Amino acid sequence: MHFKLLVVFVEDSKTDDVMKAAREAGATGATVINNARGEGLTRTKTFLGLSLETQRDVVLFIVEEHLSRKILETISEVADFDDMPGRGIAIQLDVEDAVGVAHQIQTLANVVEDEV
């Protein structure tokens, strides 16, 4: 079984929605890294020297490769990534090897058979 790593940079207010939608699309778990910050095409504005940035979370998913595109598209839709700039991004990377996922393989085997 081959896996992909989905790395999602999302507004913290959307993290729970993204995690729920990803699970419904086939993800079996996630790791959340809180309080990330970044900068996009345009710099964030300040008001009297105070930053108006919104907090971001980084959500990591290791998912089976046949489910990865569906999960990625679901995340994009739920987080409104393509509707407005600055909402966040999600990327997909190949995972060469992974340990600690043996307990998920049995569950995923049945799901992947239905998808393929």
N, C-alpha and C. Protein backbone atom coordinates (compact mmCIF):
# COMPACT_ATOMS: atom_id res chain seq x y z
N MET A 1 0.85 -1.17 0.00
CA MET A 1 0.00 0.00 0.00
C MET A 1 0.90 1.23 0.00
N HIS A 2 0.55 2.20 -0.84
CA HIS A 2 1.34 3.43 -0.96
C HIS A 2 0.54 4.60 -0.38
N PHE A 3 1.29 5.56 0.17
CA PHE A 3 0.66 6.68 0.85
C PHE A 3 1.11 8.02 0.28
N LYS A 4 0.30 9.01 0.51
CA LYS A 4 0.60 10.41 0.19
C LYS A 4 0.51 11.20 1.49
N LEU A 5 1.28 12.26 1.57
CA LEU A 5 1.20 13.20 2.69
C LEU A 5 0.50 14.45 2.19
N LEU A 6 -0.61 14.78 2.80
CA LEU A 6 -1.31 16.03 2.50
C LEU A 6 -0.92 17.03 3.58
N VAL A 7 -0.41 18.16 3.14
CA VAL A 7 -0.04 19.24 4.05
C VAL A 7 -1.00 20.39 3.77
N VAL A 8 -1.78 20.76 4.78
CA VAL A 8 -2.83 21.75 4.60
C VAL A 8 -2.54 22.95 5.52
N PHE A 9 -2.43 24.12 4.92
CA PHE A 9 -2.28 25.37 5.66
C PHE A 9 -3.64 26.05 5.61
N VAL A 10 -4.28 26.18 6.77
CA VAL A 10 -5.67 26.61 6.78
C VAL A 10 -5.92 27.57 7.95
N GLU A 11 -6.88 28.47 7.77
CA GLU A 11 -7.28 29.36 8.87
C GLU A 11 -7.73 28.50 10.05
N ASP A 12 -7.34 28.90 11.25
CA ASP A 12 -7.67 28.08 12.42
C ASP A 12 -9.17 27.91 12.62
N SER A 13 -9.96 28.84 12.12
CA SER A 13 -11.41 28.71 12.27
C SER A 13 -11.98 27.61 11.37
N LYS A 14 -11.23 27.17 10.38
CA LYS A 14 -11.69 26.14 9.43
C LYS A 14 -11.08 24.76 9.72
N THR A 15 -10.17 24.66 10.69
CA THR A 15 -9.45 23.41 10.93
C THR A 15 -10.39 22.25 11.23
N ASP A 16 -11.33 22.44 12.14
CA ASP A 16 -12.24 21.35 12.49
C ASP A 16 -13.09 20.91 11.30
N ASP A 17 -13.54 21.87 10.51
CA ASP A 17 -14.34 21.53 9.32
C ASP A 17 -13.51 20.73 8.32
N VAL A 18 -12.25 21.14 8.13
CA VAL A 18 -11.35 20.44 7.21
C VAL A 18 -11.10 19.01 7.69
N MET A 19 -10.85 18.85 8.98
CA MET A 19 -10.58 17.51 9.52
C MET A 19 -11.81 16.61 9.38
N LYS A 20 -12.98 17.14 9.66
CA LYS A 20 -14.21 16.35 9.55
C LYS A 20 -14.46 15.94 8.09
N ALA A 21 -14.32 16.87 7.18
CA ALA A 21 -14.56 16.59 5.76
C ALA A 21 -13.53 15.59 5.22
N ALA A 22 -12.28 15.73 5.63
CA ALA A 22 -11.24 14.81 5.18
C ALA A 22 -11.53 13.40 5.68
N ARG A 23 -11.97 13.28 6.91
CA ARG A 23 -12.30 11.96 7.45
C ARG A 23 -13.46 11.34 6.67
N GLU A 24 -14.47 12.14 6.36
CA GLU A 24 -15.61 11.64 5.59
C GLU A 24 -15.19 11.22 4.18
N ALA A 25 -14.12 11.84 3.65
CA ALA A 25 -13.63 11.52 2.31
C ALA A 25 -12.65 10.35 2.31
N GLY A 26 -12.27 9.87 3.50
CA GLY A 26 -11.41 8.69 3.56
C GLY A 26 -10.16 8.80 4.39
N ALA A 27 -9.85 9.97 4.93
CA ALA A 27 -8.67 10.10 5.79
C ALA A 27 -8.93 9.36 7.10
N THR A 28 -7.88 8.75 7.65
CA THR A 28 -8.05 7.98 8.87
C THR A 28 -7.51 8.68 10.10
N GLY A 29 -6.96 9.87 9.95
CA GLY A 29 -6.45 10.63 11.08
C GLY A 29 -5.69 11.85 10.61
N ALA A 30 -5.25 12.66 11.55
CA ALA A 30 -4.54 13.89 11.20
C ALA A 30 -3.69 14.35 12.37
N THR A 31 -2.70 15.16 12.07
CA THR A 31 -1.90 15.85 13.08
C THR A 31 -2.04 17.34 12.82
N VAL A 32 -2.32 18.11 13.87
CA VAL A 32 -2.50 19.56 13.74
C VAL A 32 -1.36 20.27 14.43
N ILE A 33 -0.76 21.21 13.71
CA ILE A 33 0.27 22.08 14.28
C ILE A 33 -0.36 23.47 14.33
N ASN A 34 -0.51 23.99 15.53
CA ASN A 34 -1.20 25.27 15.73
C ASN A 34 -0.27 26.47 15.57
N ASN A 35 -0.90 27.62 15.34
CA ASN A 35 -0.26 28.93 15.35
C ASN A 35 0.86 29.11 14.34
N ALA A 36 0.61 28.67 13.12
CA ALA A 36 1.53 28.95 12.03
C ALA A 36 1.18 30.31 11.45
N ARG A 37 2.10 30.90 10.77
CA ARG A 37 1.77 32.14 10.08
C ARG A 37 2.52 32.18 8.77
N GLY A 38 2.02 32.94 7.84
CA GLY A 38 2.63 32.99 6.53
C GLY A 38 2.24 34.26 5.81
N GLU A 39 2.71 34.35 4.59
CA GLU A 39 2.45 35.53 3.79
C GLU A 39 2.21 35.10 2.37
N GLY A 40 1.20 35.64 1.75
CA GLY A 40 0.85 35.28 0.39
C GLY A 40 1.32 36.32 -0.61
N LEU A 41 0.57 36.46 -1.66
CA LEU A 41 0.90 37.37 -2.74
C LEU A 41 0.99 38.82 -2.27
N THR A 42 0.07 39.21 -1.41
CA THR A 42 0.09 40.56 -0.85
C THR A 42 0.33 40.48 0.65
N ARG A 43 1.04 41.44 1.16
CA ARG A 43 1.34 41.47 2.59
C ARG A 43 0.09 41.84 3.38
N THR A 44 0.01 41.33 4.60
CA THR A 44 -1.14 41.65 5.44
C THR A 44 -1.03 43.09 5.92
N LYS A 45 -2.17 43.71 6.12
CA LYS A 45 -2.21 45.09 6.54
C LYS A 45 -2.05 45.20 8.05
N THR A 46 -1.60 46.35 8.47
CA THR A 46 -1.50 46.60 9.91
C THR A 46 -2.33 47.82 10.26
N PHE A 47 -2.70 47.90 11.51
CA PHE A 47 -3.47 49.03 12.00
C PHE A 47 -2.78 49.53 13.26
N LEU A 48 -2.25 50.73 13.21
CA LEU A 48 -1.51 51.32 14.32
C LEU A 48 -0.40 50.39 14.82
N GLY A 49 0.27 49.76 13.87
CA GLY A 49 1.39 48.89 14.22
C GLY A 49 1.00 47.49 14.64
N LEU A 50 -0.31 47.20 14.72
CA LEU A 50 -0.76 45.86 15.09
C LEU A 50 -1.08 45.06 13.82
N SER A 51 -0.67 43.84 13.80
CA SER A 51 -0.91 42.99 12.65
C SER A 51 -2.36 42.52 12.63
N LEU A 52 -2.92 42.43 11.44
CA LEU A 52 -4.28 41.94 11.28
C LEU A 52 -4.31 40.52 10.72
N GLU A 53 -3.21 39.78 10.93
CA GLU A 53 -3.13 38.41 10.43
C GLU A 53 -4.11 37.51 11.17
N THR A 54 -4.62 36.53 10.45
CA THR A 54 -5.41 35.50 11.10
C THR A 54 -4.49 34.33 11.40
N GLN A 55 -4.81 33.60 12.44
CA GLN A 55 -3.99 32.45 12.80
C GLN A 55 -4.22 31.33 11.80
N ARG A 56 -3.19 30.58 11.56
CA ARG A 56 -3.23 29.44 10.66
C ARG A 56 -2.87 28.18 11.42
N ASP A 57 -3.36 27.07 10.94
CA ASP A 57 -2.95 25.77 11.43
C ASP A 57 -2.35 25.01 10.26
N VAL A 58 -1.44 24.11 10.56
CA VAL A 58 -0.92 23.18 9.57
C VAL A 58 -1.49 21.81 9.95
N VAL A 59 -2.20 21.20 9.02
CA VAL A 59 -2.81 19.90 9.27
C VAL A 59 -2.13 18.90 8.35
N LEU A 60 -1.64 17.80 8.94
CA LEU A 60 -0.94 16.78 8.19
C LEU A 60 -1.79 15.51 8.14
N PHE A 61 -1.98 14.99 6.95
CA PHE A 61 -2.71 13.75 6.75
C PHE A 61 -1.82 12.77 5.99
N ILE A 62 -1.70 11.54 6.46
CA ILE A 62 -1.09 10.48 5.65
C ILE A 62 -2.26 9.64 5.16
N VAL A 63 -2.44 9.62 3.84
CA VAL A 63 -3.61 8.97 3.26
C VAL A 63 -3.18 8.00 2.17
N GLU A 64 -4.04 7.03 1.89
CA GLU A 64 -3.76 6.07 0.83
C GLU A 64 -3.81 6.79 -0.51
N GLU A 65 -2.89 6.45 -1.40
CA GLU A 65 -2.73 7.22 -2.64
C GLU A 65 -3.98 7.26 -3.52
N HIS A 66 -4.79 6.20 -3.53
CA HIS A 66 -5.98 6.19 -4.36
C HIS A 66 -7.08 7.11 -3.83
N LEU A 67 -6.98 7.47 -2.56
CA LEU A 67 -7.97 8.36 -1.94
C LEU A 67 -7.50 9.81 -1.87
N SER A 68 -6.22 10.03 -2.15
CA SER A 68 -5.60 11.33 -1.87
C SER A 68 -6.22 12.48 -2.66
N ARG A 69 -6.47 12.29 -3.94
CA ARG A 69 -7.01 13.39 -4.75
C ARG A 69 -8.41 13.78 -4.29
N LYS A 70 -9.23 12.79 -4.00
CA LYS A 70 -10.60 13.06 -3.52
C LYS A 70 -10.55 13.83 -2.20
N ILE A 71 -9.67 13.43 -1.30
CA ILE A 71 -9.53 14.12 -0.01
C ILE A 71 -9.02 15.53 -0.22
N LEU A 72 -8.04 15.70 -1.09
CA LEU A 72 -7.47 17.02 -1.37
C LEU A 72 -8.54 17.96 -1.93
N GLU A 73 -9.34 17.49 -2.86
CA GLU A 73 -10.40 18.33 -3.44
C GLU A 73 -11.48 18.66 -2.41
N THR A 74 -11.79 17.70 -1.54
CA THR A 74 -12.77 17.94 -0.49
C THR A 74 -12.28 19.02 0.46
N ILE A 75 -11.02 18.94 0.84
CA ILE A 75 -10.43 19.95 1.73
C ILE A 75 -10.49 21.33 1.08
N SER A 76 -10.12 21.41 -0.19
CA SER A 76 -10.14 22.69 -0.90
C SER A 76 -11.53 23.30 -0.92
N GLU A 77 -12.53 22.46 -1.15
CA GLU A 77 -13.91 22.94 -1.21
C GLU A 77 -14.39 23.44 0.15
N VAL A 78 -14.13 22.67 1.21
CA VAL A 78 -14.59 23.03 2.56
C VAL A 78 -13.89 24.28 3.07
N ALA A 79 -12.61 24.42 2.75
CA ALA A 79 -11.84 25.57 3.25
C ALA A 79 -11.93 26.79 2.34
N ASP A 80 -12.64 26.69 1.22
CA ASP A 80 -12.81 27.80 0.28
C ASP A 80 -11.48 28.33 -0.25
N PHE A 81 -10.53 27.44 -0.54
CA PHE A 81 -9.21 27.87 -0.99
C PHE A 81 -9.25 28.64 -2.30
N ASP A 82 -10.12 28.27 -3.21
CA ASP A 82 -10.14 28.91 -4.52
C ASP A 82 -11.09 30.09 -4.61
N ASP A 83 -11.85 30.36 -3.55
CA ASP A 83 -12.81 31.46 -3.59
C ASP A 83 -12.17 32.82 -3.36
N MET A 84 -11.23 32.89 -2.44
CA MET A 84 -10.59 34.16 -2.09
C MET A 84 -9.11 33.92 -1.80
N PRO A 85 -8.26 34.87 -2.15
CA PRO A 85 -6.85 34.72 -1.81
C PRO A 85 -6.65 34.77 -0.30
N GLY A 86 -5.65 34.06 0.17
CA GLY A 86 -5.31 34.09 1.58
C GLY A 86 -6.06 33.09 2.44
N ARG A 87 -6.89 32.26 1.84
CA ARG A 87 -7.65 31.27 2.62
C ARG A 87 -6.79 30.09 3.04
N GLY A 88 -5.74 29.82 2.27
CA GLY A 88 -4.85 28.71 2.59
C GLY A 88 -4.52 27.90 1.36
N ILE A 89 -3.69 26.88 1.57
CA ILE A 89 -3.32 25.99 0.48
C ILE A 89 -3.21 24.57 1.02
N ALA A 90 -3.25 23.63 0.10
CA ALA A 90 -3.02 22.24 0.45
C ALA A 90 -2.13 21.64 -0.64
N ILE A 91 -1.16 20.84 -0.21
CA ILE A 91 -0.26 20.20 -1.16
C ILE A 91 -0.22 18.70 -0.87
N GLN A 92 0.19 17.96 -1.88
CA GLN A 92 0.27 16.51 -1.77
C GLN A 92 1.69 16.08 -2.11
N LEU A 93 2.29 15.25 -1.27
CA LEU A 93 3.65 14.76 -1.47
C LEU A 93 3.66 13.25 -1.40
N ASP A 94 4.54 12.63 -2.19
CA ASP A 94 4.71 11.18 -2.11
C ASP A 94 5.39 10.81 -0.81
N VAL A 95 4.96 9.72 -0.21
CA VAL A 95 5.59 9.18 1.00
C VAL A 95 6.37 7.95 0.57
N GLU A 96 7.66 8.00 0.74
CA GLU A 96 8.49 6.87 0.34
C GLU A 96 8.30 5.67 1.24
N ASP A 97 8.18 5.91 2.53
CA ASP A 97 8.01 4.83 3.49
C ASP A 97 7.32 5.40 4.73
N ALA A 98 6.59 4.56 5.44
CA ALA A 98 5.92 5.00 6.66
C ALA A 98 5.83 3.84 7.64
N VAL A 99 6.00 4.14 8.90
CA VAL A 99 5.80 3.15 9.96
C VAL A 99 4.72 3.69 10.89
N GLY A 100 4.10 2.79 11.63
CA GLY A 100 3.05 3.22 12.54
C GLY A 100 1.68 3.29 11.91
N VAL A 101 1.56 2.81 10.68
CA VAL A 101 0.27 2.86 10.00
C VAL A 101 -0.30 1.46 9.74
N ALA A 102 0.34 0.44 10.28
CA ALA A 102 -0.10 -0.93 10.04
C ALA A 102 -1.54 -1.15 10.49
N HIS A 103 -1.93 -0.51 11.59
CA HIS A 103 -3.29 -0.67 12.09
C HIS A 103 -4.34 -0.06 11.16
N GLN A 104 -3.91 0.86 10.31
CA GLN A 104 -4.84 1.50 9.39
C GLN A 104 -4.98 0.73 8.08
N ILE A 105 -3.97 -0.10 7.76
CA ILE A 105 -3.96 -0.78 6.47
C ILE A 105 -5.15 -1.71 6.30
N GLN A 106 -5.53 -2.44 7.34
CA GLN A 106 -6.69 -3.32 7.22
C GLN A 106 -7.96 -2.54 6.92
N THR A 107 -8.15 -1.45 7.61
CA THR A 107 -9.33 -0.62 7.38
C THR A 107 -9.30 -0.04 5.97
N LEU A 108 -8.13 0.46 5.57
CA LEU A 108 -8.02 1.09 4.26
C LEU A 108 -8.15 0.09 3.11
N ALA A 109 -7.72 -1.15 3.32
CA ALA A 109 -7.77 -2.14 2.24
C ALA A 109 -9.18 -2.31 1.71
N ASN A 110 -10.15 -2.38 2.58
CA ASN A 110 -11.55 -2.52 2.16
C ASN A 110 -12.05 -1.28 1.42
N VAL A 111 -11.69 -0.12 1.91
CA VAL A 111 -12.13 1.14 1.30
C VAL A 111 -11.51 1.30 -0.08
N VAL A 112 -10.22 1.01 -0.20
CA VAL A 112 -9.51 1.18 -1.47
C VAL A 112 -10.03 0.20 -2.51
N GLU A 113 -10.35 -1.02 -2.12
CA GLU A 113 -10.93 -1.98 -3.05
C GLU A 113 -12.21 -1.45 -3.68
N ASP A 114 -13.01 -0.78 -2.90
CA ASP A 114 -14.26 -0.20 -3.42
C ASP A 114 -13.98 0.96 -4.37
N GLU A 115 -12.93 1.73 -4.10
CA GLU A 115 -12.60 2.89 -4.93
C GLU A 115 -11.96 2.49 -6.25
N VAL A 116 -11.15 1.43 -6.22
CA VAL A 116 -10.42 1.00 -7.42
C VAL A 116 -11.28 0.09 -8.20
